[in-house]
């Protein structure tokens, strides 16, 4: 799955004693009713956010994850998270100006024979 939007906020990298790393961002979709979507990047995918800045227009390839948790009272709760695994820049913000950089189109080729 993929989401296209404008980077609204980038959070700091979170590092845990176990060596686990996570960084989150908020992407605002461009539609009649814009949505602010929280996307997390974990472990080596944190590095994908290195060149991303607020106000950049990007395409994020995502996986939706879900998990079940039983609270101390025995009630089962369900949680979802959105994890990013690839980013394509569409417009890179330079101060108050933007410039087109990368776009995915039919110009993207691969070497598959079909």
PDB file of N, CA and C in Angstrom:
ATOM      1  N   UNK A   1       0.849  -1.168   0.000  1.00  0.00           N
ATOM      2  CA  UNK A   1       0.000   0.000   0.000  1.00  0.00           C
ATOM      3  C   UNK A   1       0.895   1.232   0.000  1.00  0.00           C
ATOM      4  N   UNK A   2       0.335   2.330  -0.410  1.00  0.00           N
ATOM      5  CA  UNK A   2       1.099   3.572  -0.417  1.00  0.00           C
ATOM      6  C   UNK A   2       0.207   4.760  -0.078  1.00  0.00           C
ATOM      7  N   UNK A   3       0.842   5.790   0.470  1.00  0.00           N
ATOM      8  CA  UNK A   3       0.148   7.026   0.839  1.00  0.00           C
ATOM      9  C   UNK A   3       0.979   8.178   0.288  1.00  0.00           C
ATOM     10  N   UNK A   4       0.304   9.148  -0.342  1.00  0.00           N
ATOM     11  CA  UNK A   4       0.969  10.359  -0.828  1.00  0.00           C
ATOM     12  C   UNK A   4       0.471  11.527   0.002  1.00  0.00           C
ATOM     13  N   UNK A   5       1.403  12.392   0.408  1.00  0.00           N
ATOM     14  CA  UNK A   5       0.999  13.553   1.181  1.00  0.00           C
ATOM     15  C   UNK A   5       2.171  14.461   1.488  1.00  0.00           C
ATOM     16  N   UNK A   6       1.898  15.454   2.320  1.00  0.00           N
ATOM     17  CA  UNK A   6       2.882  16.454   2.733  1.00  0.00           C
ATOM     18  C   UNK A   6       3.334  16.130   4.157  1.00  0.00           C
ATOM     19  N   UNK A   7       4.650  16.140   4.374  1.00  0.00           N
ATOM     20  CA  UNK A   7       5.188  15.866   5.711  1.00  0.00           C
ATOM     21  C   UNK A   7       4.793  17.013   6.639  1.00  0.00           C
ATOM     22  N   UNK A   8       4.039  16.699   7.658  1.00  0.00           N
ATOM     23  CA  UNK A   8       3.606  17.707   8.634  1.00  0.00           C
ATOM     24  C   UNK A   8       4.579  17.792   9.807  1.00  0.00           C
ATOM     25  N   UNK A   9       5.034  16.629  10.294  1.00  0.00           N
ATOM     26  CA  UNK A   9       5.895  16.617  11.476  1.00  0.00           C
ATOM     27  C   UNK A   9       6.794  15.400  11.445  1.00  0.00           C
ATOM     28  N   UNK A  10       8.042  15.605  11.853  1.00  0.00           N
ATOM     29  CA  UNK A  10       9.008  14.524  12.046  1.00  0.00           C
ATOM     30  C   UNK A  10       9.381  14.484  13.521  1.00  0.00           C
ATOM     31  N   UNK A  11       9.288  13.333  14.131  1.00  0.00           N
ATOM     32  CA  UNK A  11       9.652  13.174  15.528  1.00  0.00           C
ATOM     33  C   UNK A  11      11.102  12.721  15.635  1.00  0.00           C
ATOM     34  N   UNK A  12      11.685  12.878  16.807  1.00  0.00           N
ATOM     35  CA  UNK A  12      13.057  12.435  17.047  1.00  0.00           C
ATOM     36  C   UNK A  12      13.128  10.910  17.045  1.00  0.00           C
ATOM     37  N   UNK A  13      14.321  10.402  16.787  1.00  0.00           N
ATOM     38  CA  UNK A  13      14.554   8.964  16.841  1.00  0.00           C
ATOM     39  C   UNK A  13      14.458   8.501  18.298  1.00  0.00           C
ATOM     40  N   UNK A  14      13.746   7.411  18.508  1.00  0.00           N
ATOM     41  CA  UNK A  14      13.655   6.791  19.829  1.00  0.00           C
ATOM     42  C   UNK A  14      14.566   5.571  19.832  1.00  0.00           C
ATOM     43  N   UNK A  15      15.472   5.517  20.812  1.00  0.00           N
ATOM     44  CA  UNK A  15      16.377   4.371  20.949  1.00  0.00           C
ATOM     45  C   UNK A  15      16.088   3.690  22.275  1.00  0.00           C
ATOM     46  N   UNK A  16      16.013   2.364  22.235  1.00  0.00           N
ATOM     47  CA  UNK A  16      15.700   1.587  23.422  1.00  0.00           C
ATOM     48  C   UNK A  16      16.915   0.756  23.825  1.00  0.00           C
ATOM     49  N   UNK A  17      16.979   0.363  25.111  1.00  0.00           N
ATOM     50  CA  UNK A  17      18.111  -0.410  25.630  1.00  0.00           C
ATOM     51  C   UNK A  17      18.352  -1.698  24.854  1.00  0.00           C
ATOM     52  N   UNK A  18      17.311  -2.250  24.281  1.00  0.00           N
ATOM     53  CA  UNK A  18      17.426  -3.506  23.530  1.00  0.00           C
ATOM     54  C   UNK A  18      18.121  -3.311  22.179  1.00  0.00           C
ATOM     55  N   UNK A  19      18.346  -2.030  21.795  1.00  0.00           N
ATOM     56  CA  UNK A  19      18.927  -1.744  20.490  1.00  0.00           C
ATOM     57  C   UNK A  19      17.878  -1.392  19.448  1.00  0.00           C
ATOM     58  N   UNK A  20      16.609  -1.503  19.823  1.00  0.00           N
ATOM     59  CA  UNK A  20      15.503  -1.189  18.917  1.00  0.00           C
ATOM     60  C   UNK A  20      15.456   0.316  18.664  1.00  0.00           C
ATOM     61  N   UNK A  21      15.251   0.710  17.387  1.00  0.00           N
ATOM     62  CA  UNK A  21      15.122   2.128  17.024  1.00  0.00           C
ATOM     63  C   UNK A  21      13.795   2.347  16.313  1.00  0.00           C
ATOM     64  N   UNK A  22      13.221   3.532  16.561  1.00  0.00           N
ATOM     65  CA  UNK A  22      11.947   3.884  15.933  1.00  0.00           C
ATOM     66  C   UNK A  22      11.904   5.389  15.719  1.00  0.00           C
ATOM     67  N   UNK A  23      11.327   5.803  14.589  1.00  0.00           N
ATOM     68  CA  UNK A  23      11.081   7.219  14.344  1.00  0.00           C
ATOM     69  C   UNK A  23       9.724   7.346  13.680  1.00  0.00           C
ATOM     70  N   UNK A  24       8.966   8.340  14.119  1.00  0.00           N
ATOM     71  CA  UNK A  24       7.620   8.539  13.591  1.00  0.00           C
ATOM     72  C   UNK A  24       7.535   9.856  12.834  1.00  0.00           C
ATOM     73  N   UNK A  25       6.586   9.898  11.914  1.00  0.00           N
ATOM     74  CA  UNK A  25       6.291  11.129  11.183  1.00  0.00           C
ATOM     75  C   UNK A  25       4.787  11.220  10.974  1.00  0.00           C
ATOM     76  N   UNK A  26       4.316  12.438  10.749  1.00  0.00           N
ATOM     77  CA  UNK A  26       2.910  12.661  10.417  1.00  0.00           C
ATOM     78  C   UNK A  26       2.862  13.148   8.984  1.00  0.00           C
ATOM     79  N   UNK A  27       2.067  12.471   8.173  1.00  0.00           N
ATOM     80  CA  UNK A  27       1.885  12.811   6.765  1.00  0.00           C
ATOM     81  C   UNK A  27       0.445  13.277   6.581  1.00  0.00           C
ATOM     82  N   UNK A  28       0.254  14.447   5.973  1.00  0.00           N
ATOM     83  CA  UNK A  28      -1.085  14.970   5.718  1.00  0.00           C
ATOM     84  C   UNK A  28      -1.460  14.665   4.280  1.00  0.00           C
ATOM     85  N   UNK A  29      -2.550  13.933   4.102  1.00  0.00           N
ATOM     86  CA  UNK A  29      -2.993  13.563   2.764  1.00  0.00           C
ATOM     87  C   UNK A  29      -3.610  14.768   2.063  1.00  0.00           C
ATOM     88  N   UNK A  30      -3.591  14.728   0.739  1.00  0.00           N
ATOM     89  CA  UNK A  30      -4.180  15.800  -0.061  1.00  0.00           C
ATOM     90  C   UNK A  30      -5.462  15.272  -0.696  1.00  0.00           C
ATOM     91  N   UNK A  31      -6.551  15.492  -0.025  1.00  0.00           N
ATOM     92  CA  UNK A  31      -7.863  15.056  -0.480  1.00  0.00           C
ATOM     93  C   UNK A  31      -8.899  16.031   0.073  1.00  0.00           C
ATOM     94  N   UNK A  32     -10.155  15.915  -0.341  1.00  0.00           N
ATOM     95  CA  UNK A  32     -11.154  16.867   0.154  1.00  0.00           C
ATOM     96  C   UNK A  32     -11.200  16.984   1.677  1.00  0.00           C
ATOM     97  N   UNK A  33     -10.990  15.874   2.371  1.00  0.00           N
ATOM     98  CA  UNK A  33     -10.934  15.882   3.828  1.00  0.00           C
ATOM     99  C   UNK A  33      -9.569  15.332   4.237  1.00  0.00           C
ATOM    100  N   UNK A  34      -8.538  16.202   4.276  1.00  0.00           N
ATOM    101  CA  UNK A  34      -7.168  15.743   4.566  1.00  0.00           C
ATOM    102  C   UNK A  34      -7.083  15.004   5.899  1.00  0.00           C
ATOM    103  N   UNK A  35      -6.269  13.967   5.900  1.00  0.00           N
ATOM    104  CA  UNK A  35      -6.060  13.159   7.091  1.00  0.00           C
ATOM    105  C   UNK A  35      -4.608  13.286   7.535  1.00  0.00           C
ATOM    106  N   UNK A  36      -4.387  13.376   8.838  1.00  0.00           N
ATOM    107  CA  UNK A  36      -3.039  13.374   9.407  1.00  0.00           C
ATOM    108  C   UNK A  36      -2.743  11.936   9.838  1.00  0.00           C
ATOM    109  N   UNK A  37      -1.837  11.289   9.118  1.00  0.00           N
ATOM    110  CA  UNK A  37      -1.549   9.878   9.323  1.00  0.00           C
ATOM    111  C   UNK A  37      -0.196   9.725  10.016  1.00  0.00           C
ATOM    112  N   UNK A  38      -0.169   9.041  11.157  1.00  0.00           N
ATOM    113  CA  UNK A  38       1.070   8.754  11.866  1.00  0.00           C
ATOM    114  C   UNK A  38       1.678   7.483  11.270  1.00  0.00           C
ATOM    115  N   UNK A  39       2.926   7.595  10.804  1.00  0.00           N
ATOM    116  CA  UNK A  39       3.627   6.460  10.206  1.00  0.00           C
ATOM    117  C   UNK A  39       4.910   6.250  10.984  1.00  0.00           C
ATOM    118  N   UNK A  40       5.192   5.000  11.348  1.00  0.00           N
ATOM    119  CA  UNK A  40       6.413   4.704  12.077  1.00  0.00           C
ATOM    120  C   UNK A  40       7.402   3.971  11.171  1.00  0.00           C
ATOM    121  N   UNK A  41       8.668   4.257  11.407  1.00  0.00           N
ATOM    122  CA  UNK A  41       9.765   3.596  10.702  1.00  0.00           C
ATOM    123  C   UNK A  41      10.617   2.943  11.775  1.00  0.00           C
ATOM    124  N   UNK A  42      10.913   1.650  11.604  1.00  0.00           N
ATOM    125  CA  UNK A  42      11.650   0.938  12.643  1.00  0.00           C
ATOM    126  C   UNK A  42      12.974   0.393  12.118  1.00  0.00           C
ATOM    127  N   UNK A  43      13.904   0.221  13.055  1.00  0.00           N
ATOM    128  CA  UNK A  43      15.225  -0.342  12.816  1.00  0.00           C
ATOM    129  C   UNK A  43      15.932   0.369  11.658  1.00  0.00           C
ATOM    130  N   UNK A  44      16.385  -0.340  10.626  1.00  0.00           N
ATOM    131  CA  UNK A  44      17.142   0.286   9.540  1.00  0.00           C
ATOM    132  C   UNK A  44      16.284   1.220   8.690  1.00  0.00           C
ATOM    133  N   UNK A  45      14.970   1.107   8.744  1.00  0.00           N
ATOM    134  CA  UNK A  45      14.078   1.985   7.960  1.00  0.00           C
ATOM    135  C   UNK A  45      14.054   3.408   8.518  1.00  0.00           C
ATOM    136  N   UNK A  46      14.534   3.600   9.757  1.00  0.00           N
ATOM    137  CA  UNK A  46      14.654   4.946  10.343  1.00  0.00           C
ATOM    138  C   UNK A  46      15.511   5.831   9.442  1.00  0.00           C
ATOM    139  N   UNK A  47      16.521   5.240   8.820  1.00  0.00           N
ATOM    140  CA  UNK A  47      17.446   5.999   7.974  1.00  0.00           C
ATOM    141  C   UNK A  47      16.774   6.590   6.738  1.00  0.00           C
ATOM    142  N   UNK A  48      15.627   6.065   6.339  1.00  0.00           N
ATOM    143  CA  UNK A  48      14.906   6.601   5.183  1.00  0.00           C
ATOM    144  C   UNK A  48      14.459   8.048   5.395  1.00  0.00           C
ATOM    145  N   UNK A  49      14.328   8.448   6.655  1.00  0.00           N
ATOM    146  CA  UNK A  49      13.850   9.793   6.963  1.00  0.00           C
ATOM    147  C   UNK A  49      14.978  10.820   7.036  1.00  0.00           C
ATOM    148  N   UNK A  50      16.214  10.402   6.789  1.00  0.00           N
ATOM    149  CA  UNK A  50      17.368  11.287   6.926  1.00  0.00           C
ATOM    150  C   UNK A  50      17.308  12.547   6.088  1.00  0.00           C
ATOM    151  N   UNK A  51      16.813  12.460   4.864  1.00  0.00           N
ATOM    152  CA  UNK A  51      16.781  13.636   3.990  1.00  0.00           C
ATOM    153  C   UNK A  51      15.387  14.250   3.866  1.00  0.00           C
ATOM    154  N   UNK A  52      14.434  13.714   4.591  1.00  0.00           N
ATOM    155  CA  UNK A  52      13.049  14.208   4.527  1.00  0.00           C
ATOM    156  C   UNK A  52      12.881  15.386   5.472  1.00  0.00           C
ATOM    157  N   UNK A  53      12.176  16.415   4.998  1.00  0.00           N
ATOM    158  CA  UNK A  53      11.938  17.633   5.782  1.00  0.00           C
ATOM    159  C   UNK A  53      10.445  17.944   5.821  1.00  0.00           C
ATOM    160  N   UNK A  54       9.993  18.681   6.850  1.00  0.00           N
ATOM    161  CA  UNK A  54       8.600  19.136   6.858  1.00  0.00           C
ATOM    162  C   UNK A  54       8.289  19.905   5.579  1.00  0.00           C
ATOM    163  N   UNK A  55       7.095  19.716   5.084  1.00  0.00           N
ATOM    164  CA  UNK A  55       6.563  20.321   3.868  1.00  0.00           C
ATOM    165  C   UNK A  55       7.006  19.618   2.589  1.00  0.00           C
ATOM    166  N   UNK A  56       7.858  18.578   2.686  1.00  0.00           N
ATOM    167  CA  UNK A  56       8.166  17.767   1.510  1.00  0.00           C
ATOM    168  C   UNK A  56       6.916  16.993   1.118  1.00  0.00           C
ATOM    169  N   UNK A  57       6.713  16.838  -0.181  1.00  0.00           N
ATOM    170  CA  UNK A  57       5.635  15.978  -0.675  1.00  0.00           C
ATOM    171  C   UNK A  57       6.276  14.644  -1.019  1.00  0.00           C
ATOM    172  N   UNK A  58       5.755  13.564  -0.407  1.00  0.00           N
ATOM    173  CA  UNK A  58       6.365  12.255  -0.583  1.00  0.00           C
ATOM    174  C   UNK A  58       5.309  11.172  -0.794  1.00  0.00           C
ATOM    175  N   UNK A  59       5.792  10.054  -1.306  1.00  0.00           N
ATOM    176  CA  UNK A  59       4.983   8.838  -1.381  1.00  0.00           C
ATOM    177  C   UNK A  59       5.630   7.852  -0.419  1.00  0.00           C
ATOM    178  N   UNK A  60       4.846   7.310   0.500  1.00  0.00           N
ATOM    179  CA  UNK A  60       5.350   6.354   1.477  1.00  0.00           C
ATOM    180  C   UNK A  60       4.684   5.009   1.221  1.00  0.00           C
ATOM    181  N   UNK A  61       5.506   3.983   1.085  1.00  0.00           N
ATOM    182  CA  UNK A  61       5.017   2.624   0.942  1.00  0.00           C
ATOM    183  C   UNK A  61       4.901   2.046   2.352  1.00  0.00           C
ATOM    184  N   UNK A  62       3.748   1.471   2.650  1.00  0.00           N
ATOM    185  CA  UNK A  62       3.443   1.090   4.039  1.00  0.00           C
ATOM    186  C   UNK A  62       2.942  -0.344   4.160  1.00  0.00           C
ATOM    187  N   UNK A  63       3.060  -0.844   5.363  1.00  0.00           N
ATOM    188  CA  UNK A  63       2.399  -2.074   5.795  1.00  0.00           C
ATOM    189  C   UNK A  63       1.546  -1.710   7.005  1.00  0.00           C
ATOM    190  N   UNK A  64       0.374  -2.308   7.098  1.00  0.00           N
ATOM    191  CA  UNK A  64      -0.486  -2.102   8.263  1.00  0.00           C
ATOM    192  C   UNK A  64      -0.306  -3.308   9.175  1.00  0.00           C
ATOM    193  N   UNK A  65      -0.008  -3.030  10.437  1.00  0.00           N
ATOM    194  CA  UNK A  65       0.219  -4.081  11.423  1.00  0.00           C
ATOM    195  C   UNK A  65      -0.871  -4.012  12.488  1.00  0.00           C
ATOM    196  N   UNK A  66      -1.268  -5.159  12.981  1.00  0.00           N
ATOM    197  CA  UNK A  66      -2.266  -5.213  14.045  1.00  0.00           C
ATOM    198  C   UNK A  66      -1.824  -6.182  15.123  1.00  0.00           C
ATOM    199  N   UNK A  67      -2.249  -5.912  16.341  1.00  0.00           N
ATOM    200  CA  UNK A  67      -1.895  -6.817  17.436  1.00  0.00           C
ATOM    201  C   UNK A  67      -3.016  -6.842  18.471  1.00  0.00           C
ATOM    202  N   UNK A  68      -3.031  -7.946  19.187  1.00  0.00           N
ATOM    203  CA  UNK A  68      -4.024  -8.164  20.236  1.00  0.00           C
ATOM    204  C   UNK A  68      -3.314  -8.070  21.585  1.00  0.00           C
ATOM    205  N   UNK A  69      -3.988  -7.458  22.552  1.00  0.00           N
ATOM    206  CA  UNK A  69      -3.427  -7.312  23.891  1.00  0.00           C
ATOM    207  C   UNK A  69      -4.539  -7.533  24.902  1.00  0.00           C
ATOM    208  N   UNK A  70      -4.242  -8.268  25.943  1.00  0.00           N
ATOM    209  CA  UNK A  70      -5.201  -8.486  27.026  1.00  0.00           C
ATOM    210  C   UNK A  70      -4.764  -7.645  28.214  1.00  0.00           C
ATOM    211  N   UNK A  71      -5.635  -6.737  28.658  1.00  0.00           N
ATOM    212  CA  UNK A  71      -5.293  -5.868  29.788  1.00  0.00           C
ATOM    213  C   UNK A  71      -5.395  -6.650  31.100  1.00  0.00           C
ATOM    214  N   UNK A  72      -4.932  -6.072  32.201  1.00  0.00           N
ATOM    215  CA  UNK A  72      -4.948  -6.783  33.495  1.00  0.00           C
ATOM    216  C   UNK A  72      -6.337  -7.255  33.934  1.00  0.00           C
ATOM    217  N   UNK A  73      -7.385  -6.591  33.443  1.00  0.00           N
ATOM    218  CA  UNK A  73      -8.749  -7.002  33.809  1.00  0.00           C
ATOM    219  C   UNK A  73      -9.249  -8.139  32.928  1.00  0.00           C
ATOM    220  N   UNK A  74      -8.464  -8.555  31.947  1.00  0.00           N
ATOM    221  CA  UNK A  74      -8.869  -9.648  31.064  1.00  0.00           C
ATOM    222  C   UNK A  74      -9.574  -9.220  29.794  1.00  0.00           C
ATOM    223  N   UNK A  75      -9.714  -7.918  29.585  1.00  0.00           N
ATOM    224  CA  UNK A  75     -10.365  -7.417  28.379  1.00  0.00           C
ATOM    225  C   UNK A  75      -9.374  -7.420  27.223  1.00  0.00           C
ATOM    226  N   UNK A  76      -9.807  -7.947  26.092  1.00  0.00           N
ATOM    227  CA  UNK A  76      -8.943  -7.985  24.916  1.00  0.00           C
ATOM    228  C   UNK A  76      -9.088  -6.677  24.141  1.00  0.00           C
ATOM    229  N   UNK A  77      -7.954  -6.081  23.801  1.00  0.00           N
ATOM    230  CA  UNK A  77      -7.909  -4.832  23.025  1.00  0.00           C
ATOM    231  C   UNK A  77      -7.122  -5.101  21.749  1.00  0.00           C
ATOM    232  N   UNK A  78      -7.425  -4.343  20.701  1.00  0.00           N
ATOM    233  CA  UNK A  78      -6.723  -4.467  19.430  1.00  0.00           C
ATOM    234  C   UNK A  78      -6.109  -3.126  19.061  1.00  0.00           C
ATOM    235  N   UNK A  79      -4.884  -3.173  18.540  1.00  0.00           N
ATOM    236  CA  UNK A  79      -4.158  -1.971  18.153  1.00  0.00           C
ATOM    237  C   UNK A  79      -3.635  -2.131  16.727  1.00  0.00           C
ATOM    238  N   UNK A  80      -3.604  -1.031  16.007  1.00  0.00           N
ATOM    239  CA  UNK A  80      -3.063  -1.007  14.652  1.00  0.00           C
ATOM    240  C   UNK A  80      -1.908  -0.029  14.587  1.00  0.00           C
ATOM    241  N   UNK A  81      -0.967  -0.303  13.708  1.00  0.00           N
ATOM    242  CA  UNK A  81       0.101   0.650  13.443  1.00  0.00           C
ATOM    243  C   UNK A  81       0.395   0.628  11.950  1.00  0.00           C
ATOM    244  N   UNK A  82       0.920   1.725  11.467  1.00  0.00           N
ATOM    245  CA  UNK A  82       1.292   1.853  10.063  1.00  0.00           C
ATOM    246  C   UNK A  82       2.806   1.979  10.022  1.00  0.00           C
ATOM    247  N   UNK A  83       3.461   1.045   9.327  1.00  0.00           N
ATOM    248  CA  UNK A  83       4.915   1.047   9.247  1.00  0.00           C
ATOM    249  C   UNK A  83       5.349   1.351   7.823  1.00  0.00           C
ATOM    250  N   UNK A  84       6.230   2.356   7.694  1.00  0.00           N
ATOM    251  CA  UNK A  84       6.783   2.701   6.395  1.00  0.00           C
ATOM    252  C   UNK A  84       8.006   1.867   6.090  1.00  0.00           C
ATOM    253  N   UNK A  85       8.174   1.508   4.801  1.00  0.00           N
ATOM    254  CA  UNK A  85       9.337   0.711   4.417  1.00  0.00           C
ATOM    255  C   UNK A  85      10.052   1.259   3.175  1.00  0.00           C
ATOM    256  N   UNK A  86       9.461   2.270   2.535  1.00  0.00           N
ATOM    257  CA  UNK A  86      10.102   2.892   1.372  1.00  0.00           C
ATOM    258  C   UNK A  86       9.509   4.284   1.199  1.00  0.00           C
ATOM    259  N   UNK A  87      10.353   5.242   0.762  1.00  0.00           N
ATOM    260  CA  UNK A  87       9.892   6.610   0.527  1.00  0.00           C
ATOM    261  C   UNK A  87      10.372   7.058  -0.842  1.00  0.00           C
ATOM    262  N   UNK A  88       9.478   7.729  -1.574  1.00  0.00           N
ATOM    263  CA  UNK A  88       9.855   8.400  -2.815  1.00  0.00           C
ATOM    264  C   UNK A  88       9.511   9.870  -2.662  1.00  0.00           C
ATOM    265  N   UNK A  89      10.486  10.744  -2.883  1.00  0.00           N
ATOM    266  CA  UNK A  89      10.227  12.181  -2.817  1.00  0.00           C
ATOM    267  C   UNK A  89       9.544  12.609  -4.109  1.00  0.00           C
ATOM    268  N   UNK A  90       8.518  13.423  -3.973  1.00  0.00           N
ATOM    269  CA  UNK A  90       7.831  13.991  -5.129  1.00  0.00           C
ATOM    270  C   UNK A  90       8.231  15.450  -5.273  1.00  0.00           C
ATOM    271  N   UNK A  91       8.191  16.209  -4.173  1.00  0.00           N
ATOM    272  CA  UNK A  91       8.673  17.590  -4.137  1.00  0.00           C
ATOM    273  C   UNK A  91       9.448  17.791  -2.858  1.00  0.00           C
ATOM    274  N   UNK A  92      10.641  18.351  -2.998  1.00  0.00           N
ATOM    275  CA  UNK A  92      11.491  18.604  -1.842  1.00  0.00           C
ATOM    276  C   UNK A  92      11.345  20.065  -1.454  1.00  0.00           C
ATOM    277  N   UNK A  93      11.061  20.324  -0.195  1.00  0.00           N
ATOM    278  CA  UNK A  93      10.900  21.682   0.304  1.00  0.00           C
ATOM    279  C   UNK A  93      12.263  22.335   0.504  1.00  0.00           C
ATOM    280  N   UNK A  94      12.435  23.537  -0.042  1.00  0.00           N
ATOM    281  CA  UNK A  94      13.661  24.314   0.159  1.00  0.00           C
ATOM    282  C   UNK A  94      13.221  25.658   0.717  1.00  0.00           C
ATOM    283  N   UNK A  95      13.288  25.773   2.043  1.00  0.00           N
ATOM    284  CA  UNK A  95      12.760  26.987   2.680  1.00  0.00           C
ATOM    285  C   UNK A  95      11.273  27.044   2.426  1.00  0.00           C
ATOM    286  N   UNK A  96      10.815  28.128   1.785  1.00  0.00           N
ATOM    287  CA  UNK A  96       9.404  28.263   1.454  1.00  0.00           C
ATOM    288  C   UNK A  96       9.109  27.831   0.021  1.00  0.00           C
ATOM    289  N   UNK A  97      10.129  27.395  -0.709  1.00  0.00           N
ATOM    290  CA  UNK A  97       9.942  26.994  -2.096  1.00  0.00           C
ATOM    291  C   UNK A  97      10.040  25.483  -2.202  1.00  0.00           C
ATOM    292  N   UNK A  98       9.428  24.924  -3.232  1.00  0.00           N
ATOM    293  CA  UNK A  98       9.552  23.496  -3.473  1.00  0.00           C
ATOM    294  C   UNK A  98      10.080  23.276  -4.879  1.00  0.00           C
ATOM    295  N   UNK A  99      10.780  22.177  -5.045  1.00  0.00           N
ATOM    296  CA  UNK A  99      11.269  21.821  -6.377  1.00  0.00           C
ATOM    297  C   UNK A  99      10.974  20.355  -6.613  1.00  0.00           C
ATOM    298  N   UNK A 100      10.592  20.020  -7.828  1.00  0.00           N
ATOM    299  CA  UNK A 100      10.331  18.630  -8.150  1.00  0.00           C
ATOM    300  C   UNK A 100      11.645  17.882  -8.176  1.00  0.00           C
ATOM    301  N   UNK A 101      11.655  16.699  -7.564  1.00  0.00           N
ATOM    302  CA  UNK A 101      12.881  15.913  -7.554  1.00  0.00           C
ATOM    303  C   UNK A 101      12.629  14.534  -8.135  1.00  0.00           C
ATOM    304  N   UNK A 102      11.933  13.705  -7.438  1.00  0.00           N
ATOM    305  CA  UNK A 102      11.722  12.336  -7.874  1.00  0.00           C
ATOM    306  C   UNK A 102      10.226  12.093  -7.971  1.00  0.00           C
ATOM    307  N   UNK A 103       9.811  11.472  -9.033  1.00  0.00           N
ATOM    308  CA  UNK A 103       8.419  11.050  -9.102  1.00  0.00           C
ATOM    309  C   UNK A 103       8.375   9.662  -9.678  1.00  0.00           C
ATOM    310  N   UNK A 104       7.438   8.886  -9.197  1.00  0.00           N
ATOM    311  CA  UNK A 104       7.317   7.547  -9.757  1.00  0.00           C
ATOM    312  C   UNK A 104       6.345   7.645 -10.916  1.00  0.00           C
ATOM    313  N   UNK A 105       6.785   7.194 -12.045  1.00  0.00           N
ATOM    314  CA  UNK A 105       5.950   7.238 -13.241  1.00  0.00           C
ATOM    315  C   UNK A 105       6.328   6.081 -14.129  1.00  0.00           C
ATOM    316  N   UNK A 106       5.859   6.117 -15.352  1.00  0.00           N
ATOM    317  CA  UNK A 106       6.197   5.059 -16.283  1.00  0.00           C
ATOM    318  C   UNK A 106       7.666   5.129 -16.677  1.00  0.00           C
ATOM    319  N   UNK A 107       8.378   6.159 -16.259  1.00  0.00           N
ATOM    320  CA  UNK A 107       9.803   6.258 -16.544  1.00  0.00           C
ATOM    321  C   UNK A 107      10.611   5.306 -15.664  1.00  0.00           C
ATOM    322  N   UNK A 108      10.012   4.781 -14.603  1.00  0.00           N
ATOM    323  CA  UNK A 108      10.695   3.835 -13.730  1.00  0.00           C
ATOM    324  C   UNK A 108      10.654   2.467 -14.403  1.00  0.00           C
ATOM    325  N   UNK A 109      11.815   1.925 -14.717  1.00  0.00           N
ATOM    326  CA  UNK A 109      11.882   0.640 -15.380  1.00  0.00           C
ATOM    327  C   UNK A 109      12.490  -0.395 -14.457  1.00  0.00           C
ATOM    328  N   UNK A 110      12.160  -1.634 -14.702  1.00  0.00           N
ATOM    329  CA  UNK A 110      12.852  -2.718 -14.026  1.00  0.00           C
ATOM    330  C   UNK A 110      13.260  -3.725 -15.083  1.00  0.00           C
ATOM    331  N   UNK A 111      14.026  -4.702 -14.701  1.00  0.00           N
ATOM    332  CA  UNK A 111      14.549  -5.638 -15.678  1.00  0.00           C
ATOM    333  C   UNK A 111      13.744  -6.948 -15.732  1.00  0.00           C
ATOM    334  N   UNK A 112      12.523  -6.928 -15.242  1.00  0.00           N
ATOM    335  CA  UNK A 112      11.700  -8.126 -15.301  1.00  0.00           C
ATOM    336  C   UNK A 112      11.221  -8.343 -16.748  1.00  0.00           C
ATOM    337  N   UNK A 113      11.187  -9.561 -17.215  1.00  0.00           N
ATOM    338  CA  UNK A 113      10.826  -9.816 -18.611  1.00  0.00           C
ATOM    339  C   UNK A 113       9.331  -9.782 -18.899  1.00  0.00           C
ATOM    340  N   UNK A 114       8.511  -9.486 -17.896  1.00  0.00           N
ATOM    341  CA  UNK A 114       7.063  -9.452 -18.138  1.00  0.00           C
ATOM    342  C   UNK A 114       6.446  -8.236 -17.512  1.00  0.00           C
TER     343      UNK A 114
END
